[in-house]
Amino acid sequence: MEAFFISTGVVALAEIGDKTQLLAFLLAARFKRPLPIILGIFVATILNHALAGAVGAWLTRLVQPDMLRWILGVSFIGMALWTLIPDKIEDDEAQVASKLGVFGATLVTFFLAEMGDKTQIATVAMAARYPEPVMVVLGTTLGMMLANVPAVFAGDKLAERIPMRLVHGLAATLFAALGVATLLGAGSALGF
C-alpha cells in the first residue's frame, strides 16, 4: 500500500500547475462538459501510466540493483528540480479536431500531453522503485484525478487561489526525499 499512497500524493502535488492540469482548465473552458472531459482524462491517464508502469517494471529486470538505486535516486532528485519549474501549455497541444468530440479530444490531447511529462516519468521511476507497479499506476492515476477533476469543475478560479509556489515546493520536497532515501539505501530489502 505504500507504493499506492506515495504515488498518489507525489503525483497529486506534482500535477498542480502542470501542463496537463492547464489543459484540463482549457478543455473545461472550451467544451463546458465536465463528465466526458473527466472520463477522457481518466482513460488517457490509465493508458499512459500503465505504459509508464510497465517500463518501470521492465527497468528493474534490465538494470543491476545497485545501478538502479543510483539511477532512481538521481532521477527523483531531478524530478524535484523539474517540479520547481512551472509548466506552460503549448497551443498545438490544445488544438484538436472537433470530429473527435469532447471525450475523444480530451483522451487524445491528455495522452499526448502526458508523454514525457514529469508525472509520466515519475510513474516510471516509482514503478521501478516499488515492487508493485499496478499499485503505482493506480496511485498515480488517482493523483492525476485528484488534481484534475477540481480543475475541470472550478476552472481558472481555482488556479488563482492555490499558492502554486507552495504546492510545487511540497512536491519537490517529496521527490527530493524519495531520491535521498533511495540513494541512502531505502528499499534495499526490495533488491536495490
N, C-alpha and C. Protein backbone atom coordinates (compact mmCIF):
# COMPACT_ATOMS: atom_id res chain seq x y z
N MET A 1 0.82 -1.20 0.00
CA MET A 1 0.00 0.00 0.00
C MET A 1 0.87 1.26 0.00
N GLU A 2 2.11 1.14 0.48
CA GLU A 2 2.99 2.30 0.48
C GLU A 2 3.17 2.84 -0.94
N ALA A 3 3.34 1.95 -1.92
CA ALA A 3 3.51 2.37 -3.31
C ALA A 3 2.29 3.17 -3.77
N PHE A 4 1.11 2.73 -3.40
CA PHE A 4 -0.13 3.40 -3.79
C PHE A 4 -0.20 4.80 -3.18
N PHE A 5 0.02 4.89 -1.87
CA PHE A 5 -0.12 6.17 -1.19
C PHE A 5 0.95 7.18 -1.60
N ILE A 6 2.20 6.72 -1.70
CA ILE A 6 3.28 7.62 -2.12
C ILE A 6 3.03 8.11 -3.55
N SER A 7 2.65 7.20 -4.44
CA SER A 7 2.40 7.56 -5.83
C SER A 7 1.24 8.54 -5.95
N THR A 8 0.20 8.32 -5.18
CA THR A 8 -0.95 9.23 -5.21
C THR A 8 -0.54 10.62 -4.77
N GLY A 9 0.12 10.71 -3.63
CA GLY A 9 0.49 12.01 -3.08
C GLY A 9 1.47 12.77 -3.95
N VAL A 10 2.50 12.08 -4.41
CA VAL A 10 3.52 12.74 -5.22
C VAL A 10 2.92 13.28 -6.52
N VAL A 11 2.13 12.47 -7.20
CA VAL A 11 1.57 12.90 -8.48
C VAL A 11 0.49 13.97 -8.28
N ALA A 12 -0.32 13.84 -7.25
CA ALA A 12 -1.35 14.87 -7.00
C ALA A 12 -0.69 16.23 -6.79
N LEU A 13 0.37 16.27 -6.03
CA LEU A 13 1.08 17.55 -5.81
C LEU A 13 1.82 18.01 -7.06
N ALA A 14 2.50 17.09 -7.73
CA ALA A 14 3.27 17.45 -8.91
C ALA A 14 2.38 17.93 -10.05
N GLU A 15 1.16 17.45 -10.09
CA GLU A 15 0.24 17.78 -11.18
C GLU A 15 -0.33 19.20 -11.05
N ILE A 16 -0.33 19.74 -9.86
CA ILE A 16 -0.89 21.09 -9.69
C ILE A 16 0.01 22.09 -10.40
N GLY A 17 -0.56 22.78 -11.37
CA GLY A 17 0.19 23.73 -12.18
C GLY A 17 0.90 23.10 -13.36
N ASP A 18 0.78 21.78 -13.51
CA ASP A 18 1.40 21.06 -14.61
C ASP A 18 0.65 21.36 -15.90
N LYS A 19 1.30 21.11 -17.05
CA LYS A 19 0.65 21.43 -18.32
C LYS A 19 -0.62 20.63 -18.53
N THR A 20 -0.71 19.41 -18.02
CA THR A 20 -1.94 18.65 -18.21
C THR A 20 -3.07 19.23 -17.35
N GLN A 21 -2.74 19.81 -16.21
CA GLN A 21 -3.79 20.48 -15.44
C GLN A 21 -4.22 21.76 -16.16
N LEU A 22 -3.28 22.46 -16.76
CA LEU A 22 -3.64 23.62 -17.56
C LEU A 22 -4.52 23.21 -18.74
N LEU A 23 -4.23 22.04 -19.30
CA LEU A 23 -5.05 21.51 -20.38
C LEU A 23 -6.47 21.21 -19.88
N ALA A 24 -6.59 20.68 -18.66
CA ALA A 24 -7.92 20.42 -18.08
C ALA A 24 -8.70 21.72 -17.95
N PHE A 25 -8.04 22.78 -17.50
CA PHE A 25 -8.69 24.10 -17.41
C PHE A 25 -9.19 24.54 -18.80
N LEU A 26 -8.30 24.41 -19.78
CA LEU A 26 -8.62 24.85 -21.13
C LEU A 26 -9.78 24.05 -21.73
N LEU A 27 -9.74 22.74 -21.59
CA LEU A 27 -10.82 21.90 -22.12
C LEU A 27 -12.15 22.21 -21.44
N ALA A 28 -12.11 22.43 -20.14
CA ALA A 28 -13.33 22.75 -19.39
C ALA A 28 -13.91 24.08 -19.87
N ALA A 29 -13.04 25.04 -20.11
CA ALA A 29 -13.50 26.34 -20.58
C ALA A 29 -14.04 26.25 -22.01
N ARG A 30 -13.40 25.44 -22.82
CA ARG A 30 -13.80 25.33 -24.23
C ARG A 30 -15.09 24.53 -24.41
N PHE A 31 -15.19 23.38 -23.76
CA PHE A 31 -16.30 22.47 -24.02
C PHE A 31 -17.45 22.57 -23.01
N LYS A 32 -17.14 22.98 -21.80
CA LYS A 32 -18.16 23.13 -20.74
C LYS A 32 -19.00 21.86 -20.56
N ARG A 33 -18.33 20.71 -20.64
CA ARG A 33 -18.99 19.42 -20.43
C ARG A 33 -18.08 18.56 -19.55
N PRO A 34 -18.21 18.69 -18.24
CA PRO A 34 -17.24 18.06 -17.33
C PRO A 34 -17.17 16.54 -17.41
N LEU A 35 -18.29 15.84 -17.53
CA LEU A 35 -18.24 14.38 -17.47
C LEU A 35 -17.39 13.76 -18.57
N PRO A 36 -17.60 14.10 -19.86
CA PRO A 36 -16.73 13.50 -20.88
C PRO A 36 -15.26 13.93 -20.75
N ILE A 37 -15.03 15.12 -20.22
CA ILE A 37 -13.65 15.57 -20.01
C ILE A 37 -13.00 14.72 -18.92
N ILE A 38 -13.70 14.51 -17.83
CA ILE A 38 -13.16 13.70 -16.72
C ILE A 38 -12.92 12.26 -17.17
N LEU A 39 -13.86 11.69 -17.93
CA LEU A 39 -13.69 10.32 -18.44
C LEU A 39 -12.50 10.25 -19.39
N GLY A 40 -12.33 11.26 -20.24
CA GLY A 40 -11.18 11.30 -21.15
C GLY A 40 -9.86 11.38 -20.40
N ILE A 41 -9.83 12.20 -19.35
CA ILE A 41 -8.63 12.32 -18.52
C ILE A 41 -8.31 10.97 -17.87
N PHE A 42 -9.34 10.31 -17.34
CA PHE A 42 -9.16 9.03 -16.66
C PHE A 42 -8.61 7.96 -17.61
N VAL A 43 -9.23 7.81 -18.77
CA VAL A 43 -8.79 6.77 -19.72
C VAL A 43 -7.39 7.08 -20.24
N ALA A 44 -7.12 8.34 -20.58
CA ALA A 44 -5.79 8.72 -21.06
C ALA A 44 -4.73 8.45 -20.00
N THR A 45 -5.06 8.76 -18.75
CA THR A 45 -4.10 8.57 -17.66
C THR A 45 -3.84 7.08 -17.42
N ILE A 46 -4.89 6.29 -17.38
CA ILE A 46 -4.71 4.83 -17.20
C ILE A 46 -3.81 4.27 -18.29
N LEU A 47 -4.10 4.61 -19.54
CA LEU A 47 -3.30 4.09 -20.65
C LEU A 47 -1.85 4.56 -20.55
N ASN A 48 -1.66 5.85 -20.33
CA ASN A 48 -0.33 6.42 -20.29
C ASN A 48 0.48 5.90 -19.11
N HIS A 49 -0.13 5.87 -17.95
CA HIS A 49 0.59 5.44 -16.75
C HIS A 49 0.78 3.92 -16.70
N ALA A 50 -0.11 3.16 -17.34
CA ALA A 50 0.12 1.71 -17.43
C ALA A 50 1.36 1.45 -18.28
N LEU A 51 1.49 2.20 -19.36
CA LEU A 51 2.68 2.09 -20.19
C LEU A 51 3.93 2.48 -19.39
N ALA A 52 3.84 3.57 -18.66
CA ALA A 52 4.97 4.03 -17.84
C ALA A 52 5.30 3.01 -16.74
N GLY A 53 4.27 2.45 -16.11
CA GLY A 53 4.49 1.43 -15.08
C GLY A 53 5.16 0.19 -15.64
N ALA A 54 4.77 -0.21 -16.84
CA ALA A 54 5.40 -1.37 -17.48
C ALA A 54 6.87 -1.09 -17.78
N VAL A 55 7.18 0.12 -18.22
CA VAL A 55 8.58 0.49 -18.48
C VAL A 55 9.37 0.46 -17.17
N GLY A 56 8.79 0.99 -16.10
CA GLY A 56 9.47 0.97 -14.80
C GLY A 56 9.74 -0.44 -14.31
N ALA A 57 8.75 -1.31 -14.43
CA ALA A 57 8.92 -2.71 -14.01
C ALA A 57 9.97 -3.40 -14.88
N TRP A 58 9.98 -3.10 -16.17
CA TRP A 58 10.96 -3.68 -17.09
C TRP A 58 12.37 -3.24 -16.71
N LEU A 59 12.52 -1.98 -16.30
CA LEU A 59 13.84 -1.48 -15.91
C LEU A 59 14.42 -2.26 -14.74
N THR A 60 13.56 -2.71 -13.82
CA THR A 60 14.07 -3.45 -12.66
C THR A 60 14.68 -4.78 -13.08
N ARG A 61 14.25 -5.32 -14.21
CA ARG A 61 14.82 -6.58 -14.71
C ARG A 61 16.04 -6.33 -15.59
N LEU A 62 16.14 -5.13 -16.15
CA LEU A 62 17.20 -4.81 -17.10
C LEU A 62 18.47 -4.31 -16.42
N VAL A 63 18.32 -3.54 -15.36
CA VAL A 63 19.45 -2.86 -14.73
C VAL A 63 19.79 -3.53 -13.40
N GLN A 64 21.07 -3.65 -13.12
CA GLN A 64 21.54 -4.23 -11.86
C GLN A 64 21.00 -3.42 -10.68
N PRO A 65 20.65 -4.07 -9.57
CA PRO A 65 20.03 -3.37 -8.43
C PRO A 65 20.83 -2.18 -7.91
N ASP A 66 22.15 -2.30 -7.79
CA ASP A 66 22.94 -1.18 -7.26
C ASP A 66 22.92 0.00 -8.22
N MET A 67 23.02 -0.27 -9.50
CA MET A 67 22.97 0.80 -10.51
C MET A 67 21.56 1.42 -10.55
N LEU A 68 20.53 0.59 -10.43
CA LEU A 68 19.16 1.08 -10.44
C LEU A 68 18.92 2.04 -9.26
N ARG A 69 19.49 1.71 -8.11
CA ARG A 69 19.35 2.59 -6.95
C ARG A 69 19.87 3.98 -7.25
N TRP A 70 21.03 4.07 -7.89
CA TRP A 70 21.62 5.36 -8.22
C TRP A 70 20.80 6.08 -9.31
N ILE A 71 20.38 5.35 -10.31
CA ILE A 71 19.57 5.95 -11.38
C ILE A 71 18.27 6.52 -10.80
N LEU A 72 17.60 5.73 -9.95
CA LEU A 72 16.34 6.18 -9.37
C LEU A 72 16.55 7.35 -8.41
N GLY A 73 17.57 7.27 -7.58
CA GLY A 73 17.84 8.35 -6.64
C GLY A 73 18.09 9.67 -7.34
N VAL A 74 18.95 9.64 -8.36
CA VAL A 74 19.24 10.85 -9.12
C VAL A 74 18.00 11.30 -9.90
N SER A 75 17.23 10.35 -10.42
CA SER A 75 16.00 10.71 -11.16
C SER A 75 15.00 11.42 -10.27
N PHE A 76 14.82 10.92 -9.05
CA PHE A 76 13.88 11.58 -8.12
C PHE A 76 14.36 12.99 -7.78
N ILE A 77 15.65 13.16 -7.59
CA ILE A 77 16.18 14.50 -7.30
C ILE A 77 16.01 15.40 -8.52
N GLY A 78 16.23 14.86 -9.71
CA GLY A 78 15.97 15.62 -10.94
C GLY A 78 14.50 16.01 -11.06
N MET A 79 13.60 15.10 -10.68
CA MET A 79 12.17 15.40 -10.69
C MET A 79 11.86 16.54 -9.72
N ALA A 80 12.55 16.54 -8.58
CA ALA A 80 12.34 17.62 -7.60
C ALA A 80 12.69 18.97 -8.22
N LEU A 81 13.80 19.03 -8.92
CA LEU A 81 14.21 20.29 -9.56
C LEU A 81 13.24 20.67 -10.68
N TRP A 82 12.81 19.69 -11.47
CA TRP A 82 11.90 19.93 -12.59
C TRP A 82 10.55 20.44 -12.08
N THR A 83 10.12 19.94 -10.93
CA THR A 83 8.84 20.34 -10.35
C THR A 83 8.84 21.83 -9.99
N LEU A 84 9.99 22.37 -9.70
CA LEU A 84 10.08 23.79 -9.34
C LEU A 84 9.94 24.72 -10.54
N ILE A 85 9.99 24.16 -11.75
CA ILE A 85 9.85 24.97 -12.97
C ILE A 85 8.39 24.87 -13.43
N PRO A 86 7.64 25.98 -13.40
CA PRO A 86 6.24 25.93 -13.80
C PRO A 86 6.07 25.56 -15.27
N ASP A 87 5.03 24.78 -15.55
CA ASP A 87 4.72 24.38 -16.93
C ASP A 87 3.86 25.43 -17.60
N LYS A 88 4.00 25.49 -18.91
CA LYS A 88 3.11 26.29 -19.74
C LYS A 88 2.56 25.35 -20.80
N ILE A 89 1.30 25.51 -21.13
CA ILE A 89 0.70 24.64 -22.15
C ILE A 89 1.01 25.21 -23.52
N GLU A 90 1.34 24.33 -24.45
CA GLU A 90 1.61 24.76 -25.81
C GLU A 90 0.30 24.77 -26.58
N ASP A 91 0.14 25.76 -27.45
CA ASP A 91 -1.11 25.92 -28.20
C ASP A 91 -1.45 24.69 -29.03
N ASP A 92 -0.43 24.06 -29.64
CA ASP A 92 -0.73 22.92 -30.51
C ASP A 92 -1.27 21.74 -29.72
N GLU A 93 -0.90 21.60 -28.45
CA GLU A 93 -1.46 20.51 -27.63
C GLU A 93 -2.93 20.75 -27.33
N ALA A 94 -3.34 21.99 -27.32
CA ALA A 94 -4.72 22.32 -27.01
C ALA A 94 -5.63 22.26 -28.23
N GLN A 95 -5.06 22.26 -29.45
CA GLN A 95 -5.85 22.24 -30.68
C GLN A 95 -6.16 20.80 -31.07
N VAL A 96 -7.44 20.49 -31.19
CA VAL A 96 -7.86 19.13 -31.55
C VAL A 96 -8.99 19.23 -32.55
N ALA A 97 -9.03 18.30 -33.47
CA ALA A 97 -10.11 18.29 -34.45
C ALA A 97 -11.44 18.10 -33.74
N SER A 98 -12.43 18.90 -34.12
CA SER A 98 -13.73 18.84 -33.46
C SER A 98 -14.46 17.53 -33.78
N LYS A 99 -14.01 16.78 -34.77
CA LYS A 99 -14.63 15.50 -35.12
C LYS A 99 -14.55 14.47 -33.99
N LEU A 100 -13.58 14.63 -33.11
CA LEU A 100 -13.36 13.63 -32.06
C LEU A 100 -14.38 13.73 -30.93
N GLY A 101 -15.06 14.84 -30.79
CA GLY A 101 -15.98 15.04 -29.68
C GLY A 101 -15.21 15.38 -28.41
N VAL A 102 -15.93 15.69 -27.37
CA VAL A 102 -15.32 16.13 -26.12
C VAL A 102 -14.46 15.01 -25.51
N PHE A 103 -15.02 13.79 -25.40
CA PHE A 103 -14.27 12.67 -24.83
C PHE A 103 -13.02 12.38 -25.65
N GLY A 104 -13.18 12.25 -26.97
CA GLY A 104 -12.06 11.93 -27.85
C GLY A 104 -10.98 13.00 -27.83
N ALA A 105 -11.41 14.26 -27.86
CA ALA A 105 -10.45 15.37 -27.82
C ALA A 105 -9.66 15.33 -26.52
N THR A 106 -10.36 15.09 -25.41
CA THR A 106 -9.68 15.03 -24.11
C THR A 106 -8.73 13.84 -24.06
N LEU A 107 -9.20 12.68 -24.50
CA LEU A 107 -8.38 11.47 -24.48
C LEU A 107 -7.08 11.67 -25.27
N VAL A 108 -7.20 12.15 -26.49
CA VAL A 108 -6.02 12.30 -27.35
C VAL A 108 -5.09 13.38 -26.81
N THR A 109 -5.62 14.55 -26.47
CA THR A 109 -4.74 15.62 -26.02
C THR A 109 -4.08 15.30 -24.68
N PHE A 110 -4.83 14.67 -23.78
CA PHE A 110 -4.22 14.32 -22.49
C PHE A 110 -3.16 13.25 -22.64
N PHE A 111 -3.44 12.23 -23.44
CA PHE A 111 -2.45 11.17 -23.64
C PHE A 111 -1.17 11.76 -24.22
N LEU A 112 -1.30 12.58 -25.25
CA LEU A 112 -0.11 13.17 -25.89
C LEU A 112 0.60 14.15 -24.97
N ALA A 113 -0.17 14.96 -24.25
CA ALA A 113 0.45 15.94 -23.34
C ALA A 113 1.20 15.25 -22.20
N GLU A 114 0.74 14.09 -21.81
CA GLU A 114 1.37 13.37 -20.70
C GLU A 114 2.63 12.62 -21.13
N MET A 115 2.83 12.42 -22.43
CA MET A 115 4.03 11.73 -22.91
C MET A 115 5.27 12.56 -22.57
N GLY A 116 6.17 11.97 -21.81
CA GLY A 116 7.40 12.65 -21.42
C GLY A 116 7.21 13.71 -20.35
N ASP A 117 5.99 13.83 -19.83
CA ASP A 117 5.71 14.81 -18.78
C ASP A 117 6.29 14.30 -17.46
N LYS A 118 6.47 15.23 -16.52
CA LYS A 118 7.10 14.83 -15.25
C LYS A 118 6.30 13.77 -14.50
N THR A 119 4.97 13.79 -14.59
CA THR A 119 4.20 12.77 -13.87
C THR A 119 4.33 11.40 -14.54
N GLN A 120 4.52 11.36 -15.85
CA GLN A 120 4.76 10.07 -16.51
C GLN A 120 6.14 9.54 -16.13
N ILE A 121 7.12 10.41 -16.13
CA ILE A 121 8.47 9.98 -15.76
C ILE A 121 8.51 9.56 -14.29
N ALA A 122 7.77 10.27 -13.45
CA ALA A 122 7.68 9.88 -12.05
C ALA A 122 7.03 8.50 -11.91
N THR A 123 6.06 8.20 -12.75
CA THR A 123 5.42 6.88 -12.73
C THR A 123 6.42 5.80 -13.10
N VAL A 124 7.25 6.06 -14.11
CA VAL A 124 8.29 5.10 -14.49
C VAL A 124 9.22 4.87 -13.30
N ALA A 125 9.67 5.95 -12.68
CA ALA A 125 10.62 5.84 -11.56
C ALA A 125 10.01 5.12 -10.37
N MET A 126 8.76 5.45 -10.04
CA MET A 126 8.14 4.79 -8.88
C MET A 126 7.83 3.33 -9.16
N ALA A 127 7.48 3.01 -10.42
CA ALA A 127 7.24 1.60 -10.76
C ALA A 127 8.54 0.80 -10.70
N ALA A 128 9.65 1.46 -10.97
CA ALA A 128 10.95 0.80 -10.82
C ALA A 128 11.35 0.73 -9.35
N ARG A 129 10.92 1.68 -8.58
CA ARG A 129 11.29 1.77 -7.15
C ARG A 129 10.52 0.78 -6.29
N TYR A 130 9.24 0.61 -6.59
CA TYR A 130 8.39 -0.26 -5.78
C TYR A 130 8.08 -1.56 -6.53
N PRO A 131 7.99 -2.67 -5.80
CA PRO A 131 7.76 -3.96 -6.46
C PRO A 131 6.31 -4.18 -6.90
N GLU A 132 5.46 -3.18 -6.73
CA GLU A 132 4.04 -3.32 -7.09
C GLU A 132 3.66 -2.28 -8.14
N PRO A 133 4.05 -2.48 -9.42
CA PRO A 133 3.77 -1.47 -10.43
C PRO A 133 2.28 -1.19 -10.62
N VAL A 134 1.44 -2.17 -10.39
CA VAL A 134 -0.01 -1.94 -10.52
C VAL A 134 -0.48 -0.94 -9.47
N MET A 135 0.03 -1.07 -8.25
CA MET A 135 -0.34 -0.12 -7.19
C MET A 135 0.20 1.28 -7.51
N VAL A 136 1.36 1.35 -8.12
CA VAL A 136 1.92 2.63 -8.53
C VAL A 136 1.02 3.28 -9.58
N VAL A 137 0.63 2.50 -10.59
CA VAL A 137 -0.23 3.03 -11.66
C VAL A 137 -1.58 3.48 -11.09
N LEU A 138 -2.15 2.68 -10.21
CA LEU A 138 -3.42 3.08 -9.58
C LEU A 138 -3.24 4.36 -8.76
N GLY A 139 -2.13 4.45 -8.04
CA GLY A 139 -1.86 5.63 -7.23
C GLY A 139 -1.62 6.87 -8.08
N THR A 140 -0.81 6.74 -9.14
CA THR A 140 -0.55 7.91 -9.97
C THR A 140 -1.81 8.34 -10.72
N THR A 141 -2.63 7.38 -11.09
CA THR A 141 -3.89 7.72 -11.75
C THR A 141 -4.81 8.47 -10.79
N LEU A 142 -4.90 7.98 -9.56
CA LEU A 142 -5.72 8.68 -8.56
C LEU A 142 -5.16 10.09 -8.31
N GLY A 143 -3.84 10.21 -8.23
CA GLY A 143 -3.23 11.52 -8.05
C GLY A 143 -3.57 12.48 -9.18
N MET A 144 -3.55 11.98 -10.41
CA MET A 144 -3.94 12.80 -11.56
C MET A 144 -5.40 13.24 -11.44
N MET A 145 -6.25 12.33 -11.04
CA MET A 145 -7.68 12.65 -10.94
C MET A 145 -7.91 13.65 -9.80
N LEU A 146 -7.22 13.47 -8.68
CA LEU A 146 -7.37 14.41 -7.56
C LEU A 146 -6.99 15.83 -7.95
N ALA A 147 -6.00 15.96 -8.81
CA ALA A 147 -5.57 17.29 -9.23
C ALA A 147 -6.41 17.84 -10.38
N ASN A 148 -6.88 16.97 -11.27
CA ASN A 148 -7.52 17.46 -12.49
C ASN A 148 -9.04 17.56 -12.42
N VAL A 149 -9.70 16.73 -11.63
CA VAL A 149 -11.16 16.83 -11.54
C VAL A 149 -11.58 18.20 -10.98
N PRO A 150 -10.97 18.67 -9.89
CA PRO A 150 -11.33 20.03 -9.45
C PRO A 150 -11.02 21.09 -10.51
N ALA A 151 -9.97 20.88 -11.29
CA ALA A 151 -9.63 21.83 -12.35
C ALA A 151 -10.74 21.89 -13.39
N VAL A 152 -11.32 20.74 -13.69
CA VAL A 152 -12.41 20.70 -14.67
C VAL A 152 -13.63 21.45 -14.14
N PHE A 153 -13.95 21.27 -12.86
CA PHE A 153 -15.14 21.89 -12.30
C PHE A 153 -14.94 23.36 -11.92
N ALA A 154 -13.76 23.69 -11.46
CA ALA A 154 -13.55 25.05 -10.96
C ALA A 154 -12.86 25.97 -11.96
N GLY A 155 -12.19 25.38 -12.93
CA GLY A 155 -11.56 26.20 -13.95
C GLY A 155 -10.52 27.16 -13.40
N ASP A 156 -10.40 28.27 -14.04
CA ASP A 156 -9.36 29.25 -13.71
C ASP A 156 -9.51 29.82 -12.31
N LYS A 157 -10.72 29.86 -11.77
CA LYS A 157 -10.93 30.44 -10.44
C LYS A 157 -10.14 29.69 -9.37
N LEU A 158 -10.07 28.37 -9.50
CA LEU A 158 -9.32 27.57 -8.54
C LEU A 158 -7.82 27.85 -8.67
N ALA A 159 -7.34 27.94 -9.89
CA ALA A 159 -5.90 28.15 -10.12
C ALA A 159 -5.42 29.45 -9.50
N GLU A 160 -6.28 30.46 -9.49
CA GLU A 160 -5.89 31.75 -8.94
C GLU A 160 -5.77 31.71 -7.41
N ARG A 161 -6.42 30.77 -6.77
CA ARG A 161 -6.45 30.73 -5.31
C ARG A 161 -5.42 29.78 -4.68
N ILE A 162 -4.83 28.92 -5.49
CA ILE A 162 -3.88 27.94 -4.97
C ILE A 162 -2.48 28.57 -4.97
N PRO A 163 -1.77 28.52 -3.83
CA PRO A 163 -0.40 29.05 -3.80
C PRO A 163 0.55 28.08 -4.52
N MET A 164 0.72 28.30 -5.82
CA MET A 164 1.46 27.38 -6.67
C MET A 164 2.90 27.16 -6.21
N ARG A 165 3.54 28.19 -5.76
CA ARG A 165 4.93 28.02 -5.30
C ARG A 165 5.00 27.06 -4.12
N LEU A 166 4.03 27.16 -3.21
CA LEU A 166 3.99 26.26 -2.06
C LEU A 166 3.75 24.82 -2.51
N VAL A 167 2.79 24.62 -3.39
CA VAL A 167 2.48 23.28 -3.87
C VAL A 167 3.66 22.69 -4.62
N HIS A 168 4.27 23.47 -5.49
CA HIS A 168 5.45 22.97 -6.21
C HIS A 168 6.59 22.67 -5.24
N GLY A 169 6.74 23.49 -4.22
CA GLY A 169 7.77 23.24 -3.20
C GLY A 169 7.53 21.95 -2.44
N LEU A 170 6.27 21.70 -2.09
CA LEU A 170 5.93 20.44 -1.40
C LEU A 170 6.20 19.23 -2.28
N ALA A 171 5.79 19.31 -3.55
CA ALA A 171 6.04 18.20 -4.47
C ALA A 171 7.54 17.98 -4.67
N ALA A 172 8.28 19.07 -4.82
CA ALA A 172 9.73 18.96 -4.98
C ALA A 172 10.37 18.34 -3.75
N THR A 173 9.87 18.70 -2.58
CA THR A 173 10.40 18.13 -1.33
C THR A 173 10.15 16.63 -1.27
N LEU A 174 8.95 16.20 -1.69
CA LEU A 174 8.65 14.76 -1.71
C LEU A 174 9.56 14.02 -2.68
N PHE A 175 9.74 14.56 -3.89
CA PHE A 175 10.63 13.93 -4.85
C PHE A 175 12.06 13.87 -4.32
N ALA A 176 12.53 14.97 -3.73
CA ALA A 176 13.89 15.00 -3.19
C ALA A 176 14.05 13.99 -2.06
N ALA A 177 13.05 13.90 -1.19
CA ALA A 177 13.11 12.93 -0.09
C ALA A 177 13.16 11.50 -0.62
N LEU A 178 12.35 11.21 -1.64
CA LEU A 178 12.41 9.88 -2.26
C LEU A 178 13.79 9.62 -2.86
N GLY A 179 14.36 10.64 -3.51
CA GLY A 179 15.68 10.49 -4.10
C GLY A 179 16.76 10.23 -3.07
N VAL A 180 16.77 11.03 -2.01
CA VAL A 180 17.77 10.86 -0.96
C VAL A 180 17.60 9.50 -0.26
N ALA A 181 16.36 9.15 0.04
CA ALA A 181 16.11 7.86 0.70
C ALA A 181 16.57 6.71 -0.18
N THR A 182 16.33 6.81 -1.46
CA THR A 182 16.76 5.76 -2.38
C THR A 182 18.28 5.69 -2.45
N LEU A 183 18.94 6.85 -2.53
CA LEU A 183 20.40 6.87 -2.57
C LEU A 183 21.02 6.33 -1.29
N LEU A 184 20.35 6.56 -0.16
CA LEU A 184 20.86 6.09 1.13
C LEU A 184 20.55 4.61 1.38
N GLY A 185 19.85 3.99 0.46
CA GLY A 185 19.62 2.56 0.57
C GLY A 185 18.23 2.15 0.98
N ALA A 186 17.31 3.09 1.14
CA ALA A 186 15.93 2.69 1.42
C ALA A 186 15.44 1.83 0.27
N GLY A 187 14.82 0.75 0.57
CA GLY A 187 14.38 -0.17 -0.46
C GLY A 187 15.39 -1.26 -0.75
N SER A 188 16.49 -1.30 0.00
CA SER A 188 17.49 -2.34 -0.24
C SER A 188 16.92 -3.74 -0.03
N ALA A 189 15.92 -3.82 0.83
CA ALA A 189 15.25 -5.12 1.02
C ALA A 189 14.48 -5.53 -0.23
N LEU A 190 14.20 -4.55 -1.10
CA LEU A 190 13.47 -4.84 -2.34
C LEU A 190 14.42 -5.24 -3.46
N GLY A 191 15.70 -5.17 -3.21
CA GLY A 191 16.65 -5.59 -4.22
C GLY A 191 17.45 -4.47 -4.87
N PHE A 192 17.29 -3.23 -4.38
CA PHE A 192 18.13 -2.14 -4.93
C PHE A 192 18.45 -1.14 -3.87
